[in-house]
């Protein structure tokens, strides 16, 4: 992770399940309780943050900050391909057997083109998900010669080098908002080819 200014970063855990031996870039850091969650203060720059937990009995769930990105989970030496995530956190115990819903994902795309200098494009992806918790890919999500500026999401999401999105989805209705600008002067905009969970038609406003 990289930051341009000093800021507080929330960590997994809570007041009862506290992260230990937290270090960044080879240096131990102090963990404090902030807004009900453990957090560390990071200086500007790029950081690799590591830590661990110790408990007598493994909790059923581990609180995970909403700001977290993509999640990889291993329990008892076994990788959990589809971690169960809820408002309480990520599930660490053995869940009950439930009937599996069919995995489906429906995306609606809305874009607004602002004739400014440079030309700006705001894209909203409305995602309706059913089935299991899983990772899905979308896109490429931007027209040619546009570069991303901002990304806001109700789900863990990451922009890929190929211009697509990696989204860790779970059942429900979600929204992802992507801001972008043109590299140079624009006289026309070509719609991206629909691929990887993008619809054949989009709604544009100018």
N, C-alpha and C. Protein backbone atom coordinates (compact mmCIF):
# COMPACT_ATOMS: atom_id res chain seq x y z
N UNK A 1 0.84 -1.18 0.00
CA UNK A 1 0.00 0.00 0.00
C UNK A 1 0.88 1.24 0.00
N UNK A 2 0.42 2.31 -0.69
CA UNK A 2 1.19 3.53 -0.77
C UNK A 2 0.30 4.72 -0.45
N UNK A 3 0.85 5.71 0.28
CA UNK A 3 0.07 6.87 0.69
C UNK A 3 0.87 8.14 0.47
N UNK A 4 0.15 9.20 0.12
CA UNK A 4 0.80 10.48 -0.16
C UNK A 4 0.90 11.34 1.09
N UNK A 5 0.17 11.02 2.15
CA UNK A 5 0.23 11.78 3.38
C UNK A 5 0.01 10.85 4.56
N UNK A 6 0.39 11.31 5.75
CA UNK A 6 0.24 10.51 6.96
C UNK A 6 -1.24 10.26 7.24
N UNK A 7 -1.58 8.99 7.56
CA UNK A 7 -2.97 8.69 7.85
C UNK A 7 -3.09 7.41 8.68
N UNK A 8 -4.26 7.28 9.33
CA UNK A 8 -4.56 6.12 10.15
C UNK A 8 -5.11 4.99 9.26
N UNK A 9 -4.61 3.78 9.50
CA UNK A 9 -5.03 2.62 8.72
C UNK A 9 -5.65 1.59 9.67
N UNK A 10 -6.93 1.25 9.49
CA UNK A 10 -7.55 0.22 10.35
C UNK A 10 -7.01 -1.16 10.03
N UNK A 11 -6.94 -2.02 11.05
CA UNK A 11 -6.44 -3.38 10.90
C UNK A 11 -7.54 -4.38 11.20
N UNK A 12 -7.38 -5.63 10.78
CA UNK A 12 -8.33 -6.67 11.19
C UNK A 12 -8.31 -6.85 12.70
N UNK A 13 -9.42 -7.31 13.25
CA UNK A 13 -9.52 -7.54 14.69
C UNK A 13 -10.43 -6.53 15.36
N UNK A 14 -10.53 -6.64 16.68
CA UNK A 14 -11.34 -5.71 17.46
C UNK A 14 -10.79 -5.66 18.88
N UNK A 15 -11.57 -5.10 19.81
CA UNK A 15 -11.09 -4.96 21.18
C UNK A 15 -10.80 -6.26 21.87
N UNK A 16 -11.45 -7.36 21.44
CA UNK A 16 -11.23 -8.67 22.06
C UNK A 16 -10.20 -9.50 21.30
N UNK A 17 -10.21 -9.40 20.00
CA UNK A 17 -9.24 -10.12 19.16
C UNK A 17 -8.27 -9.09 18.60
N UNK A 18 -7.09 -8.97 19.23
CA UNK A 18 -6.18 -7.86 18.97
C UNK A 18 -4.97 -8.33 18.14
N UNK A 19 -4.61 -7.62 17.07
CA UNK A 19 -3.44 -8.00 16.28
C UNK A 19 -2.14 -7.80 17.07
N UNK A 20 -1.20 -8.73 16.89
CA UNK A 20 0.06 -8.68 17.62
C UNK A 20 1.23 -8.66 16.66
N UNK A 21 2.38 -8.19 17.19
CA UNK A 21 3.63 -8.16 16.42
C UNK A 21 3.43 -7.50 15.06
N UNK A 22 2.75 -6.36 15.06
CA UNK A 22 2.51 -5.64 13.81
C UNK A 22 3.75 -4.85 13.44
N UNK A 23 4.20 -5.00 12.22
CA UNK A 23 5.40 -4.31 11.75
C UNK A 23 5.18 -3.85 10.33
N UNK A 24 5.89 -2.82 9.93
CA UNK A 24 5.82 -2.32 8.56
C UNK A 24 7.23 -1.98 8.09
N UNK A 25 7.58 -2.50 6.94
CA UNK A 25 8.89 -2.24 6.33
C UNK A 25 10.01 -2.52 7.33
N UNK A 26 9.90 -3.67 8.03
CA UNK A 26 10.94 -4.08 8.95
C UNK A 26 10.97 -3.33 10.26
N UNK A 27 9.92 -2.56 10.57
CA UNK A 27 9.91 -1.74 11.79
C UNK A 27 8.63 -2.00 12.55
N UNK A 28 8.74 -2.26 13.87
CA UNK A 28 7.56 -2.44 14.70
C UNK A 28 6.79 -1.14 14.81
N UNK A 29 5.46 -1.24 14.83
CA UNK A 29 4.63 -0.05 14.96
C UNK A 29 3.64 -0.27 16.10
N UNK A 30 3.16 0.82 16.69
CA UNK A 30 2.20 0.75 17.79
C UNK A 30 0.79 0.66 17.24
N UNK A 31 0.01 -0.25 17.82
CA UNK A 31 -1.39 -0.42 17.44
C UNK A 31 -2.25 0.18 18.53
N UNK A 32 -3.18 1.05 18.13
CA UNK A 32 -4.06 1.71 19.09
C UNK A 32 -5.51 1.46 18.70
N UNK A 33 -6.41 1.63 19.66
CA UNK A 33 -7.84 1.51 19.40
C UNK A 33 -8.35 2.84 18.88
N UNK A 34 -8.91 2.81 17.67
CA UNK A 34 -9.38 4.04 17.03
C UNK A 34 -10.71 3.73 16.35
N UNK A 35 -11.75 4.48 16.71
CA UNK A 35 -13.10 4.27 16.17
C UNK A 35 -13.56 2.82 16.34
N UNK A 36 -13.21 2.23 17.48
CA UNK A 36 -13.65 0.88 17.81
C UNK A 36 -12.87 -0.23 17.16
N UNK A 37 -11.77 0.08 16.47
CA UNK A 37 -10.99 -0.94 15.77
C UNK A 37 -9.51 -0.67 15.96
N UNK A 38 -8.66 -1.71 15.93
CA UNK A 38 -7.21 -1.48 15.99
C UNK A 38 -6.74 -0.74 14.75
N UNK A 39 -5.78 0.15 14.92
CA UNK A 39 -5.30 0.96 13.79
C UNK A 39 -3.86 1.35 14.03
N UNK A 40 -3.15 1.66 12.94
CA UNK A 40 -1.78 2.15 13.01
C UNK A 40 -1.68 3.44 12.19
N UNK A 41 -0.71 4.28 12.57
CA UNK A 41 -0.47 5.53 11.86
C UNK A 41 0.71 5.34 10.93
N UNK A 42 0.47 5.53 9.61
CA UNK A 42 1.51 5.33 8.60
C UNK A 42 1.96 6.67 8.03
N UNK A 43 3.26 6.80 7.81
CA UNK A 43 3.82 7.99 7.19
C UNK A 43 3.68 7.89 5.67
N UNK A 44 3.89 9.00 4.95
CA UNK A 44 3.80 8.93 3.48
C UNK A 44 4.78 7.91 2.91
N UNK A 45 4.37 7.25 1.83
CA UNK A 45 5.22 6.27 1.16
C UNK A 45 4.55 4.94 0.98
N UNK A 46 5.32 3.94 0.61
CA UNK A 46 4.81 2.59 0.38
C UNK A 46 5.15 1.71 1.57
N UNK A 47 4.17 0.91 2.00
CA UNK A 47 4.35 0.11 3.21
C UNK A 47 3.86 -1.32 2.99
N UNK A 48 4.58 -2.26 3.59
CA UNK A 48 4.17 -3.66 3.65
C UNK A 48 3.90 -3.96 5.12
N UNK A 49 2.64 -4.12 5.49
CA UNK A 49 2.24 -4.28 6.89
C UNK A 49 1.99 -5.76 7.18
N UNK A 50 2.61 -6.27 8.25
CA UNK A 50 2.44 -7.66 8.65
C UNK A 50 2.14 -7.75 10.14
N UNK A 51 1.42 -8.78 10.53
CA UNK A 51 1.10 -9.00 11.93
C UNK A 51 0.45 -10.35 12.12
N UNK A 52 0.01 -10.64 13.31
CA UNK A 52 -0.61 -11.93 13.58
C UNK A 52 -1.57 -11.85 14.74
N UNK A 53 -2.21 -12.99 15.04
CA UNK A 53 -3.15 -13.10 16.15
C UNK A 53 -2.80 -14.35 16.97
N UNK A 54 -3.12 -14.31 18.25
CA UNK A 54 -2.96 -15.48 19.12
C UNK A 54 -4.20 -15.60 19.98
N UNK A 55 -4.79 -16.81 20.02
CA UNK A 55 -5.97 -17.03 20.84
C UNK A 55 -5.98 -18.46 21.36
N UNK A 56 -6.63 -18.64 22.53
CA UNK A 56 -6.78 -19.98 23.10
C UNK A 56 -7.80 -20.79 22.32
N UNK A 57 -8.84 -20.12 21.86
CA UNK A 57 -9.87 -20.76 21.05
C UNK A 57 -10.20 -19.86 19.88
N UNK A 58 -10.13 -20.42 18.68
CA UNK A 58 -10.34 -19.61 17.49
C UNK A 58 -11.74 -19.01 17.47
N UNK A 59 -11.86 -17.70 17.25
CA UNK A 59 -13.19 -17.09 17.17
C UNK A 59 -13.92 -17.53 15.91
N UNK A 60 -15.24 -17.44 15.95
CA UNK A 60 -16.03 -17.83 14.78
C UNK A 60 -15.80 -16.86 13.63
N UNK A 61 -15.62 -15.58 13.94
CA UNK A 61 -15.40 -14.56 12.90
C UNK A 61 -14.26 -13.66 13.31
N UNK A 62 -13.64 -13.04 12.32
CA UNK A 62 -12.59 -12.05 12.54
C UNK A 62 -13.00 -10.77 11.82
N UNK A 63 -13.12 -9.70 12.60
CA UNK A 63 -13.52 -8.42 12.01
C UNK A 63 -12.50 -7.97 10.98
N UNK A 64 -12.99 -7.50 9.82
CA UNK A 64 -12.13 -7.03 8.73
C UNK A 64 -12.58 -5.63 8.33
N UNK A 65 -11.68 -4.66 8.24
CA UNK A 65 -12.08 -3.29 7.86
C UNK A 65 -12.78 -3.26 6.51
N UNK A 66 -13.78 -2.38 6.38
CA UNK A 66 -14.48 -2.23 5.11
C UNK A 66 -13.54 -1.73 4.02
N UNK A 67 -12.44 -1.06 4.42
CA UNK A 67 -11.50 -0.53 3.43
C UNK A 67 -10.59 -1.60 2.86
N UNK A 68 -10.67 -2.83 3.36
CA UNK A 68 -9.77 -3.89 2.92
C UNK A 68 -9.99 -4.20 1.44
N UNK A 69 -8.91 -4.64 0.80
CA UNK A 69 -9.00 -5.02 -0.61
C UNK A 69 -9.33 -6.50 -0.74
N UNK A 70 -8.71 -7.15 -1.70
CA UNK A 70 -8.96 -8.57 -1.93
C UNK A 70 -8.44 -9.40 -0.77
N UNK A 71 -9.19 -10.43 -0.38
CA UNK A 71 -8.90 -11.22 0.80
C UNK A 71 -8.50 -12.64 0.43
N UNK A 72 -7.41 -13.13 1.03
CA UNK A 72 -6.99 -14.53 0.88
C UNK A 72 -7.01 -15.15 2.27
N UNK A 73 -7.66 -16.32 2.42
CA UNK A 73 -7.86 -16.92 3.73
C UNK A 73 -7.42 -18.38 3.73
N UNK A 74 -6.62 -18.76 4.75
CA UNK A 74 -6.23 -20.15 4.98
C UNK A 74 -6.57 -20.51 6.42
N UNK A 75 -7.31 -21.60 6.64
CA UNK A 75 -7.72 -22.04 7.97
C UNK A 75 -7.25 -23.48 8.15
N UNK A 76 -6.51 -23.74 9.26
CA UNK A 76 -5.99 -25.08 9.55
C UNK A 76 -5.19 -25.63 8.37
N UNK A 77 -4.42 -24.76 7.73
CA UNK A 77 -3.58 -25.19 6.62
C UNK A 77 -4.30 -25.40 5.31
N UNK A 78 -5.60 -25.13 5.29
CA UNK A 78 -6.39 -25.33 4.07
C UNK A 78 -6.86 -23.99 3.53
N UNK A 79 -6.57 -23.73 2.27
CA UNK A 79 -6.99 -22.48 1.65
C UNK A 79 -8.49 -22.48 1.43
N UNK A 80 -9.14 -21.40 1.89
CA UNK A 80 -10.58 -21.23 1.68
C UNK A 80 -10.77 -20.44 0.40
N UNK A 81 -11.24 -21.12 -0.64
CA UNK A 81 -11.35 -20.48 -1.96
C UNK A 81 -12.40 -19.38 -1.94
N UNK A 82 -13.52 -19.61 -1.25
CA UNK A 82 -14.62 -18.64 -1.20
C UNK A 82 -14.90 -18.26 0.25
N UNK A 83 -14.15 -17.32 0.82
CA UNK A 83 -14.38 -16.92 2.20
C UNK A 83 -15.78 -16.34 2.39
N UNK A 84 -16.40 -16.67 3.53
CA UNK A 84 -17.71 -16.11 3.87
C UNK A 84 -17.51 -14.81 4.62
N UNK A 85 -18.03 -13.72 4.09
CA UNK A 85 -17.85 -12.40 4.68
C UNK A 85 -19.22 -11.80 4.98
N UNK A 86 -19.37 -11.26 6.19
CA UNK A 86 -20.60 -10.60 6.59
C UNK A 86 -20.24 -9.30 7.29
N UNK A 87 -21.25 -8.60 7.83
CA UNK A 87 -20.98 -7.36 8.56
C UNK A 87 -20.15 -7.63 9.81
N UNK A 88 -20.18 -8.86 10.34
CA UNK A 88 -19.41 -9.21 11.53
C UNK A 88 -17.95 -9.52 11.20
N UNK A 89 -17.64 -9.80 9.95
CA UNK A 89 -16.27 -10.10 9.57
C UNK A 89 -16.20 -11.33 8.69
N UNK A 90 -15.00 -11.91 8.61
CA UNK A 90 -14.79 -13.11 7.80
C UNK A 90 -14.96 -14.34 8.69
N UNK A 91 -15.65 -15.35 8.19
CA UNK A 91 -15.98 -16.56 8.94
C UNK A 91 -14.76 -17.46 9.01
N UNK A 92 -14.38 -17.86 10.24
CA UNK A 92 -13.22 -18.72 10.45
C UNK A 92 -13.59 -20.13 10.86
N UNK A 93 -14.86 -20.35 11.27
CA UNK A 93 -15.28 -21.65 11.73
C UNK A 93 -15.89 -22.48 10.63
N UNK A 94 -16.43 -23.61 11.00
CA UNK A 94 -17.07 -24.52 10.05
C UNK A 94 -18.53 -24.11 9.90
N UNK A 95 -18.92 -23.70 8.72
CA UNK A 95 -20.29 -23.25 8.51
C UNK A 95 -21.25 -24.40 8.32
N UNK A 96 -22.51 -24.13 8.52
CA UNK A 96 -23.53 -25.13 8.29
C UNK A 96 -23.70 -25.37 6.79
N UNK A 97 -24.07 -26.60 6.45
CA UNK A 97 -24.33 -26.91 5.06
C UNK A 97 -25.64 -26.26 4.63
N UNK A 98 -25.59 -25.50 3.60
CA UNK A 98 -26.79 -24.83 3.10
C UNK A 98 -26.94 -25.12 1.62
N UNK A 99 -28.16 -25.00 1.16
CA UNK A 99 -28.41 -25.20 -0.26
C UNK A 99 -27.74 -24.08 -1.05
N UNK A 100 -26.99 -24.44 -2.08
CA UNK A 100 -26.25 -23.46 -2.84
C UNK A 100 -27.13 -22.85 -3.92
N UNK A 101 -27.13 -21.52 -3.94
CA UNK A 101 -27.83 -20.81 -5.01
C UNK A 101 -26.93 -20.78 -6.24
N UNK A 102 -27.52 -20.72 -7.40
CA UNK A 102 -26.75 -20.67 -8.64
C UNK A 102 -26.00 -19.34 -8.71
N UNK A 103 -24.73 -19.40 -9.08
CA UNK A 103 -23.92 -18.18 -9.20
C UNK A 103 -24.36 -17.38 -10.41
N UNK A 104 -24.85 -16.19 -10.17
CA UNK A 104 -25.22 -15.27 -11.25
C UNK A 104 -24.71 -13.88 -10.92
N UNK A 105 -24.47 -13.10 -11.96
CA UNK A 105 -24.05 -11.70 -11.80
C UNK A 105 -24.61 -10.91 -12.97
N UNK A 106 -25.38 -9.88 -12.66
CA UNK A 106 -25.96 -8.99 -13.68
C UNK A 106 -25.44 -7.59 -13.44
N UNK A 107 -24.89 -6.97 -14.48
CA UNK A 107 -24.31 -5.63 -14.37
C UNK A 107 -25.03 -4.65 -15.28
N UNK A 108 -25.40 -3.50 -14.72
CA UNK A 108 -25.89 -2.37 -15.51
C UNK A 108 -24.84 -1.26 -15.44
N UNK A 109 -24.56 -0.62 -16.58
CA UNK A 109 -23.50 0.39 -16.65
C UNK A 109 -24.09 1.73 -17.06
N UNK A 110 -23.76 2.77 -16.28
CA UNK A 110 -24.22 4.14 -16.55
C UNK A 110 -22.98 5.03 -16.63
N UNK A 111 -22.88 5.82 -17.70
CA UNK A 111 -21.72 6.69 -17.87
C UNK A 111 -22.16 8.13 -18.15
N UNK A 112 -21.37 9.08 -17.61
CA UNK A 112 -21.60 10.50 -17.88
C UNK A 112 -20.31 11.11 -18.41
N UNK A 113 -20.39 11.67 -19.62
CA UNK A 113 -19.23 12.27 -20.28
C UNK A 113 -19.30 13.78 -20.10
N UNK A 114 -18.27 14.36 -19.49
CA UNK A 114 -18.20 15.80 -19.27
C UNK A 114 -17.23 16.42 -20.26
N UNK A 115 -17.73 17.33 -21.10
CA UNK A 115 -16.90 17.99 -22.11
C UNK A 115 -16.10 19.09 -21.44
N UNK A 116 -15.03 18.69 -20.80
CA UNK A 116 -14.18 19.60 -20.05
C UNK A 116 -12.77 19.49 -20.60
N UNK A 117 -11.82 20.14 -19.97
CA UNK A 117 -10.41 20.02 -20.35
C UNK A 117 -9.63 19.54 -19.14
N UNK A 118 -9.22 18.28 -19.07
CA UNK A 118 -9.47 17.26 -20.10
C UNK A 118 -10.90 16.69 -20.01
N UNK A 119 -11.30 15.95 -21.04
CA UNK A 119 -12.60 15.29 -21.03
C UNK A 119 -12.64 14.28 -19.89
N UNK A 120 -13.74 14.31 -19.13
CA UNK A 120 -13.87 13.40 -17.98
C UNK A 120 -15.03 12.44 -18.19
N UNK A 121 -14.89 11.25 -17.62
CA UNK A 121 -15.90 10.21 -17.76
C UNK A 121 -16.16 9.59 -16.39
N UNK A 122 -17.42 9.64 -15.98
CA UNK A 122 -17.83 9.01 -14.72
C UNK A 122 -18.65 7.77 -15.07
N UNK A 123 -18.24 6.61 -14.53
CA UNK A 123 -18.91 5.35 -14.82
C UNK A 123 -19.42 4.74 -13.52
N UNK A 124 -20.69 4.31 -13.52
CA UNK A 124 -21.29 3.64 -12.37
C UNK A 124 -21.69 2.24 -12.79
N UNK A 125 -21.19 1.24 -12.08
CA UNK A 125 -21.56 -0.15 -12.31
C UNK A 125 -22.52 -0.58 -11.20
N UNK A 126 -23.74 -0.93 -11.56
CA UNK A 126 -24.69 -1.49 -10.60
C UNK A 126 -24.69 -3.00 -10.77
N UNK A 127 -24.30 -3.71 -9.71
CA UNK A 127 -24.06 -5.15 -9.79
C UNK A 127 -25.05 -5.89 -8.90
N UNK A 128 -25.76 -6.84 -9.48
CA UNK A 128 -26.71 -7.69 -8.75
C UNK A 128 -26.13 -9.10 -8.71
N UNK A 129 -25.86 -9.60 -7.49
CA UNK A 129 -25.12 -10.85 -7.31
C UNK A 129 -25.98 -11.88 -6.60
N UNK A 130 -25.91 -13.13 -7.04
CA UNK A 130 -26.54 -14.25 -6.35
C UNK A 130 -25.53 -15.40 -6.31
N UNK A 131 -25.70 -16.29 -5.32
CA UNK A 131 -24.83 -17.45 -5.22
C UNK A 131 -23.79 -17.31 -4.14
N UNK A 132 -22.58 -17.77 -4.42
CA UNK A 132 -21.52 -17.83 -3.43
C UNK A 132 -20.68 -16.55 -3.41
N UNK A 133 -19.90 -16.39 -2.33
CA UNK A 133 -18.88 -15.36 -2.29
C UNK A 133 -17.74 -15.81 -3.21
N UNK A 134 -17.31 -14.93 -4.11
CA UNK A 134 -16.33 -15.33 -5.12
C UNK A 134 -15.68 -14.09 -5.72
N UNK A 135 -14.65 -14.30 -6.52
CA UNK A 135 -14.04 -13.21 -7.27
C UNK A 135 -14.51 -13.24 -8.70
N UNK A 136 -14.91 -12.09 -9.21
CA UNK A 136 -15.33 -11.96 -10.61
C UNK A 136 -14.46 -10.90 -11.29
N UNK A 137 -14.35 -11.02 -12.61
CA UNK A 137 -13.62 -10.04 -13.41
C UNK A 137 -14.59 -9.30 -14.32
N UNK A 138 -14.30 -8.03 -14.55
CA UNK A 138 -15.12 -7.19 -15.40
C UNK A 138 -14.22 -6.42 -16.35
N UNK A 139 -14.67 -6.33 -17.60
CA UNK A 139 -14.00 -5.43 -18.50
C UNK A 139 -13.00 -6.06 -19.44
N UNK A 140 -12.21 -5.17 -20.09
CA UNK A 140 -11.83 -3.79 -19.76
C UNK A 140 -13.04 -2.86 -19.62
N UNK A 141 -12.91 -1.90 -18.68
CA UNK A 141 -14.06 -1.10 -18.26
C UNK A 141 -14.04 0.33 -18.78
N UNK A 142 -12.96 0.77 -19.42
CA UNK A 142 -12.87 2.14 -19.91
C UNK A 142 -12.64 2.17 -21.42
N UNK A 143 -13.15 3.20 -22.10
CA UNK A 143 -12.83 3.37 -23.53
C UNK A 143 -11.33 3.58 -23.73
N UNK A 144 -10.88 3.39 -24.95
CA UNK A 144 -9.47 3.62 -25.26
C UNK A 144 -9.11 5.08 -24.98
N UNK A 145 -7.83 5.29 -24.56
CA UNK A 145 -7.27 6.62 -24.31
C UNK A 145 -7.90 7.31 -23.11
N UNK A 146 -8.53 6.55 -22.20
CA UNK A 146 -8.97 7.09 -20.92
C UNK A 146 -8.20 6.40 -19.80
N UNK A 147 -7.83 7.19 -18.78
CA UNK A 147 -7.07 6.65 -17.65
C UNK A 147 -7.88 6.86 -16.38
N UNK A 148 -7.82 5.92 -15.44
CA UNK A 148 -8.61 6.04 -14.21
C UNK A 148 -8.07 7.12 -13.29
N UNK A 149 -8.99 7.79 -12.59
CA UNK A 149 -8.63 8.82 -11.60
C UNK A 149 -9.06 8.43 -10.19
N UNK A 150 -10.22 7.80 -10.06
CA UNK A 150 -10.75 7.48 -8.73
C UNK A 150 -11.57 6.20 -8.83
N UNK A 151 -11.68 5.51 -7.69
CA UNK A 151 -12.43 4.26 -7.64
C UNK A 151 -13.07 4.15 -6.26
N UNK A 152 -14.40 4.03 -6.24
CA UNK A 152 -15.13 3.86 -4.99
C UNK A 152 -16.05 2.65 -5.14
N UNK A 153 -16.10 1.82 -4.10
CA UNK A 153 -16.84 0.57 -4.23
C UNK A 153 -17.38 0.13 -2.88
N UNK A 154 -18.56 -0.52 -2.91
CA UNK A 154 -19.13 -1.15 -1.73
C UNK A 154 -18.60 -2.57 -1.54
N UNK A 155 -17.79 -3.04 -2.50
CA UNK A 155 -17.18 -4.36 -2.45
C UNK A 155 -15.67 -4.22 -2.60
N UNK A 156 -14.88 -5.18 -2.09
CA UNK A 156 -13.45 -5.14 -2.35
C UNK A 156 -13.19 -5.22 -3.86
N UNK A 157 -12.41 -4.28 -4.38
CA UNK A 157 -12.23 -4.19 -5.82
C UNK A 157 -10.81 -3.72 -6.12
N UNK A 158 -10.30 -4.12 -7.28
CA UNK A 158 -8.95 -3.74 -7.69
C UNK A 158 -8.91 -3.56 -9.20
N UNK A 159 -8.26 -2.48 -9.64
CA UNK A 159 -8.03 -2.27 -11.07
C UNK A 159 -6.85 -3.12 -11.52
N UNK A 160 -7.03 -3.85 -12.61
CA UNK A 160 -5.96 -4.70 -13.14
C UNK A 160 -5.15 -3.94 -14.19
N UNK A 161 -3.90 -4.35 -14.40
CA UNK A 161 -3.08 -3.68 -15.42
C UNK A 161 -3.69 -3.73 -16.81
N UNK A 162 -4.54 -4.74 -17.09
CA UNK A 162 -5.16 -4.85 -18.41
C UNK A 162 -6.40 -3.97 -18.56
N UNK A 163 -6.69 -3.13 -17.55
CA UNK A 163 -7.83 -2.22 -17.64
C UNK A 163 -9.13 -2.80 -17.14
N UNK A 164 -9.10 -4.01 -16.60
CA UNK A 164 -10.30 -4.62 -16.05
C UNK A 164 -10.41 -4.41 -14.55
N UNK A 165 -11.49 -4.92 -13.98
CA UNK A 165 -11.71 -4.87 -12.55
C UNK A 165 -11.75 -6.28 -11.99
N UNK A 166 -11.11 -6.48 -10.83
CA UNK A 166 -11.26 -7.71 -10.05
C UNK A 166 -12.14 -7.35 -8.85
N UNK A 167 -13.27 -8.03 -8.73
CA UNK A 167 -14.24 -7.69 -7.69
C UNK A 167 -14.53 -8.93 -6.86
N UNK A 168 -14.44 -8.80 -5.55
CA UNK A 168 -14.80 -9.89 -4.65
C UNK A 168 -16.28 -9.70 -4.28
N UNK A 169 -17.15 -10.47 -4.92
CA UNK A 169 -18.59 -10.25 -4.82
C UNK A 169 -19.21 -11.18 -3.79
N UNK A 170 -20.35 -10.77 -3.27
CA UNK A 170 -21.18 -11.59 -2.40
C UNK A 170 -22.64 -11.25 -2.71
N UNK A 171 -23.58 -12.11 -2.33
CA UNK A 171 -24.98 -11.88 -2.71
C UNK A 171 -25.48 -10.51 -2.26
N UNK A 172 -26.22 -9.87 -3.16
CA UNK A 172 -26.79 -8.56 -2.88
C UNK A 172 -26.67 -7.63 -4.07
N UNK A 173 -27.10 -6.39 -3.86
CA UNK A 173 -27.00 -5.35 -4.90
C UNK A 173 -25.93 -4.36 -4.49
N UNK A 174 -24.99 -4.07 -5.40
CA UNK A 174 -23.82 -3.28 -5.06
C UNK A 174 -23.54 -2.24 -6.15
N UNK A 175 -22.73 -1.25 -5.78
CA UNK A 175 -22.39 -0.19 -6.74
C UNK A 175 -20.88 0.06 -6.70
N UNK A 176 -20.29 0.21 -7.90
CA UNK A 176 -18.88 0.57 -8.06
C UNK A 176 -18.84 1.82 -8.94
N UNK A 177 -18.11 2.85 -8.50
CA UNK A 177 -18.03 4.11 -9.24
C UNK A 177 -16.58 4.37 -9.64
N UNK A 178 -16.38 4.62 -10.93
CA UNK A 178 -15.04 4.81 -11.49
C UNK A 178 -14.97 6.15 -12.20
N UNK A 179 -14.03 7.00 -11.79
CA UNK A 179 -13.78 8.27 -12.46
C UNK A 179 -12.56 8.16 -13.37
N UNK A 180 -12.61 8.81 -14.53
CA UNK A 180 -11.51 8.72 -15.49
C UNK A 180 -11.41 10.02 -16.27
N UNK A 181 -10.29 10.19 -16.95
CA UNK A 181 -10.10 11.34 -17.84
C UNK A 181 -9.44 10.87 -19.13
N UNK A 182 -9.61 11.67 -20.17
CA UNK A 182 -8.97 11.37 -21.45
C UNK A 182 -7.50 11.76 -21.41
N UNK A 183 -6.67 11.02 -22.16
CA UNK A 183 -5.24 11.34 -22.21
C UNK A 183 -4.97 12.64 -22.95
N UNK A 184 -5.82 12.94 -23.94
CA UNK A 184 -5.60 14.13 -24.74
C UNK A 184 -6.93 14.67 -25.27
N UNK A 185 -6.87 15.39 -26.38
CA UNK A 185 -8.08 15.95 -26.98
C UNK A 185 -8.91 14.82 -27.55
N UNK A 186 -10.23 14.85 -27.27
CA UNK A 186 -11.13 13.78 -27.68
C UNK A 186 -12.14 14.32 -28.69
N UNK A 187 -12.23 13.67 -29.86
CA UNK A 187 -13.26 14.04 -30.82
C UNK A 187 -14.32 12.95 -30.96
N UNK A 188 -14.05 11.77 -30.39
CA UNK A 188 -15.04 10.70 -30.36
C UNK A 188 -14.65 9.72 -29.26
N UNK A 189 -15.65 9.01 -28.76
CA UNK A 189 -15.43 8.01 -27.71
C UNK A 189 -16.03 6.69 -28.20
N UNK A 190 -15.23 5.64 -28.16
CA UNK A 190 -15.68 4.33 -28.61
C UNK A 190 -16.01 3.47 -27.41
N UNK A 191 -17.20 2.89 -27.42
CA UNK A 191 -17.65 2.04 -26.33
C UNK A 191 -16.77 0.80 -26.23
N UNK A 192 -16.33 0.44 -24.99
CA UNK A 192 -15.53 -0.79 -24.85
C UNK A 192 -16.33 -2.02 -25.30
N UNK A 193 -15.64 -3.00 -25.84
CA UNK A 193 -16.30 -4.24 -26.22
C UNK A 193 -16.83 -4.94 -24.97
N UNK A 194 -18.11 -5.32 -24.96
CA UNK A 194 -18.66 -5.98 -23.78
C UNK A 194 -17.98 -7.33 -23.54
N UNK A 195 -17.41 -7.49 -22.36
CA UNK A 195 -16.70 -8.73 -22.02
C UNK A 195 -16.62 -8.84 -20.51
N UNK A 196 -16.52 -10.07 -20.02
CA UNK A 196 -16.31 -10.32 -18.60
C UNK A 196 -17.32 -9.58 -17.73
N UNK A 197 -18.59 -9.98 -17.85
CA UNK A 197 -19.67 -9.47 -17.00
C UNK A 197 -20.12 -8.05 -17.33
N UNK A 198 -19.73 -7.51 -18.49
CA UNK A 198 -20.25 -6.22 -18.94
C UNK A 198 -21.43 -6.46 -19.88
N UNK A 199 -22.45 -5.60 -19.82
CA UNK A 199 -23.64 -5.81 -20.66
C UNK A 199 -23.40 -5.41 -22.11
N UNK A 200 -24.29 -5.83 -22.98
CA UNK A 200 -24.20 -5.46 -24.39
C UNK A 200 -24.58 -4.01 -24.63
N UNK A 201 -25.39 -3.44 -23.73
CA UNK A 201 -25.84 -2.05 -23.86
C UNK A 201 -25.55 -1.28 -22.58
N UNK A 202 -25.25 0.03 -22.74
CA UNK A 202 -25.01 0.91 -21.61
C UNK A 202 -25.86 2.16 -21.75
N UNK A 203 -26.03 2.88 -20.65
CA UNK A 203 -26.74 4.16 -20.66
C UNK A 203 -25.69 5.27 -20.52
N UNK A 204 -25.66 6.19 -21.52
CA UNK A 204 -24.71 7.31 -21.51
C UNK A 204 -25.45 8.63 -21.40
N UNK A 205 -24.83 9.58 -20.70
CA UNK A 205 -25.33 10.96 -20.65
C UNK A 205 -24.16 11.88 -21.00
N UNK A 206 -24.50 12.99 -21.64
CA UNK A 206 -23.46 13.91 -22.09
C UNK A 206 -23.74 15.29 -21.53
